[in-house]
N, C-alpha and C. Protein backbone atom coordinates (compact mmCIF):
# COMPACT_ATOMS: atom_id res chain seq x y z
N UNK A 1 6.26 -27.25 12.53
CA UNK A 1 5.90 -26.13 11.69
C UNK A 1 7.02 -25.08 11.77
N UNK A 2 7.39 -24.53 10.63
CA UNK A 2 8.43 -23.50 10.61
C UNK A 2 7.81 -22.12 10.77
N UNK A 3 8.65 -21.13 11.05
CA UNK A 3 8.16 -19.75 11.17
C UNK A 3 7.58 -19.28 9.84
N UNK A 4 8.19 -19.68 8.75
CA UNK A 4 7.69 -19.28 7.43
C UNK A 4 6.28 -19.82 7.22
N UNK A 5 6.03 -21.06 7.60
CA UNK A 5 4.70 -21.64 7.45
C UNK A 5 3.68 -20.93 8.33
N UNK A 6 4.08 -20.58 9.54
CA UNK A 6 3.20 -19.84 10.44
C UNK A 6 2.87 -18.48 9.84
N UNK A 7 3.87 -17.78 9.31
CA UNK A 7 3.66 -16.46 8.70
C UNK A 7 2.72 -16.55 7.49
N UNK A 8 2.94 -17.56 6.67
CA UNK A 8 2.07 -17.72 5.49
C UNK A 8 0.62 -17.96 5.91
N UNK A 9 0.43 -18.84 6.89
CA UNK A 9 -0.92 -19.14 7.36
C UNK A 9 -1.57 -17.89 7.96
N UNK A 10 -0.81 -17.13 8.72
CA UNK A 10 -1.33 -15.91 9.33
C UNK A 10 -1.68 -14.87 8.27
N UNK A 11 -0.84 -14.74 7.23
CA UNK A 11 -1.13 -13.80 6.15
C UNK A 11 -2.42 -14.16 5.42
N UNK A 12 -2.62 -15.44 5.18
CA UNK A 12 -3.85 -15.88 4.51
C UNK A 12 -5.06 -15.57 5.38
N UNK A 13 -4.95 -15.89 6.66
CA UNK A 13 -6.07 -15.65 7.59
C UNK A 13 -6.39 -14.15 7.69
N UNK A 14 -5.36 -13.34 7.81
CA UNK A 14 -5.57 -11.89 7.90
C UNK A 14 -6.19 -11.35 6.62
N UNK A 15 -5.74 -11.85 5.48
CA UNK A 15 -6.30 -11.39 4.19
C UNK A 15 -7.79 -11.67 4.13
N UNK A 16 -8.19 -12.83 4.61
CA UNK A 16 -9.62 -13.18 4.61
C UNK A 16 -10.40 -12.23 5.52
N UNK A 17 -9.87 -11.99 6.71
CA UNK A 17 -10.56 -11.09 7.64
C UNK A 17 -10.65 -9.67 7.11
N UNK A 18 -9.55 -9.15 6.55
CA UNK A 18 -9.55 -7.79 6.02
C UNK A 18 -10.50 -7.66 4.83
N UNK A 19 -10.56 -8.69 4.01
CA UNK A 19 -11.46 -8.67 2.85
C UNK A 19 -12.91 -8.56 3.31
N UNK A 20 -13.25 -9.28 4.36
CA UNK A 20 -14.61 -9.22 4.90
C UNK A 20 -14.92 -7.82 5.45
N UNK A 21 -13.96 -7.23 6.15
CA UNK A 21 -14.18 -5.92 6.76
C UNK A 21 -14.28 -4.81 5.72
N UNK A 22 -13.52 -4.95 4.62
CA UNK A 22 -13.53 -3.92 3.58
C UNK A 22 -14.87 -3.87 2.87
N UNK A 23 -15.44 -5.03 2.61
CA UNK A 23 -16.71 -5.08 1.91
C UNK A 23 -16.58 -4.85 0.41
N UNK A 24 -15.38 -4.85 -0.11
CA UNK A 24 -15.18 -4.69 -1.55
C UNK A 24 -14.45 -5.92 -2.09
N UNK A 25 -14.55 -6.11 -3.38
CA UNK A 25 -13.88 -7.24 -4.00
C UNK A 25 -12.38 -7.00 -4.13
N UNK A 26 -11.68 -8.06 -4.47
CA UNK A 26 -10.23 -7.98 -4.60
C UNK A 26 -9.82 -7.02 -5.71
N UNK A 27 -10.56 -7.01 -6.81
CA UNK A 27 -10.22 -6.13 -7.92
C UNK A 27 -10.35 -4.66 -7.52
N UNK A 28 -11.45 -4.32 -6.86
CA UNK A 28 -11.66 -2.94 -6.42
C UNK A 28 -10.60 -2.53 -5.41
N UNK A 29 -10.29 -3.42 -4.48
CA UNK A 29 -9.27 -3.12 -3.48
C UNK A 29 -7.91 -2.88 -4.14
N UNK A 30 -7.55 -3.73 -5.09
CA UNK A 30 -6.28 -3.59 -5.79
C UNK A 30 -6.23 -2.25 -6.52
N UNK A 31 -7.32 -1.89 -7.16
CA UNK A 31 -7.40 -0.61 -7.86
C UNK A 31 -7.23 0.55 -6.88
N UNK A 32 -7.89 0.47 -5.74
CA UNK A 32 -7.77 1.53 -4.73
C UNK A 32 -6.34 1.66 -4.22
N UNK A 33 -5.68 0.54 -3.98
CA UNK A 33 -4.30 0.55 -3.48
C UNK A 33 -3.37 1.18 -4.52
N UNK A 34 -3.55 0.80 -5.79
CA UNK A 34 -2.72 1.36 -6.86
C UNK A 34 -2.92 2.87 -6.96
N UNK A 35 -4.16 3.32 -6.91
CA UNK A 35 -4.43 4.76 -6.98
C UNK A 35 -3.83 5.49 -5.79
N UNK A 36 -3.91 4.89 -4.60
CA UNK A 36 -3.33 5.50 -3.41
C UNK A 36 -1.82 5.69 -3.59
N UNK A 37 -1.14 4.63 -4.05
CA UNK A 37 0.31 4.72 -4.20
C UNK A 37 0.70 5.71 -5.30
N UNK A 38 -0.08 5.78 -6.35
CA UNK A 38 0.21 6.76 -7.40
C UNK A 38 0.08 8.18 -6.87
N UNK A 39 -0.95 8.43 -6.06
CA UNK A 39 -1.12 9.77 -5.46
C UNK A 39 0.04 10.10 -4.54
N UNK A 40 0.43 9.14 -3.69
CA UNK A 40 1.53 9.39 -2.75
C UNK A 40 2.84 9.62 -3.49
N UNK A 41 3.10 8.85 -4.54
CA UNK A 41 4.33 9.03 -5.31
C UNK A 41 4.35 10.40 -5.98
N UNK A 42 3.20 10.83 -6.48
CA UNK A 42 3.11 12.14 -7.12
C UNK A 42 3.38 13.25 -6.10
N UNK A 43 2.78 13.13 -4.92
CA UNK A 43 2.99 14.11 -3.87
C UNK A 43 4.45 14.13 -3.41
N UNK A 44 5.05 12.96 -3.27
CA UNK A 44 6.44 12.88 -2.85
C UNK A 44 7.36 13.51 -3.88
N UNK A 45 7.08 13.25 -5.16
CA UNK A 45 7.90 13.84 -6.23
C UNK A 45 7.82 15.36 -6.17
N UNK A 46 6.62 15.88 -6.01
CA UNK A 46 6.43 17.33 -5.92
C UNK A 46 7.18 17.90 -4.72
N UNK A 47 7.09 17.22 -3.60
CA UNK A 47 7.75 17.69 -2.38
C UNK A 47 9.27 17.68 -2.54
N UNK A 48 9.80 16.64 -3.14
CA UNK A 48 11.26 16.56 -3.34
C UNK A 48 11.75 17.65 -4.28
N UNK A 49 10.97 17.95 -5.30
CA UNK A 49 11.36 19.01 -6.24
C UNK A 49 11.38 20.35 -5.52
N UNK A 50 10.40 20.60 -4.65
CA UNK A 50 10.36 21.86 -3.90
C UNK A 50 11.60 21.98 -3.01
N UNK A 51 11.95 20.90 -2.33
CA UNK A 51 13.11 20.93 -1.43
C UNK A 51 14.39 21.14 -2.21
N UNK A 52 14.51 20.53 -3.38
CA UNK A 52 15.72 20.70 -4.19
C UNK A 52 15.86 22.13 -4.65
N UNK A 53 14.75 22.73 -5.05
CA UNK A 53 14.79 24.13 -5.52
C UNK A 53 15.14 25.08 -4.37
N UNK A 54 14.70 24.79 -3.16
CA UNK A 54 15.02 25.64 -2.01
C UNK A 54 16.52 25.61 -1.72
N UNK A 55 17.14 24.45 -1.84
CA UNK A 55 18.57 24.31 -1.55
C UNK A 55 19.42 25.01 -2.61
N UNK A 56 18.97 24.97 -3.87
CA UNK A 56 19.73 25.55 -4.96
C UNK A 56 19.72 27.06 -4.89
N UNK A 57 18.58 27.64 -4.57
CA UNK A 57 18.45 29.11 -4.57
C UNK A 57 18.87 29.72 -3.27
C-alpha cells in the first residue's frame, strides 16, 4: 500500500465519521462551508482595506 492510498482511505473514513457527528446532510454542510468562507473573505477584504488606508494617510 502506498502513502497516497493510505491517505485516501483515511480521508474517506474521517469524512464518514465527521458526517455522523455533524448530524447534517452533505448539501447543508457544503452550504454552511461556502457561507463561512464568504463571510471570512468579506471580513478579510474589509480588514485589508482599513490597513491600506492607514498606511496611505
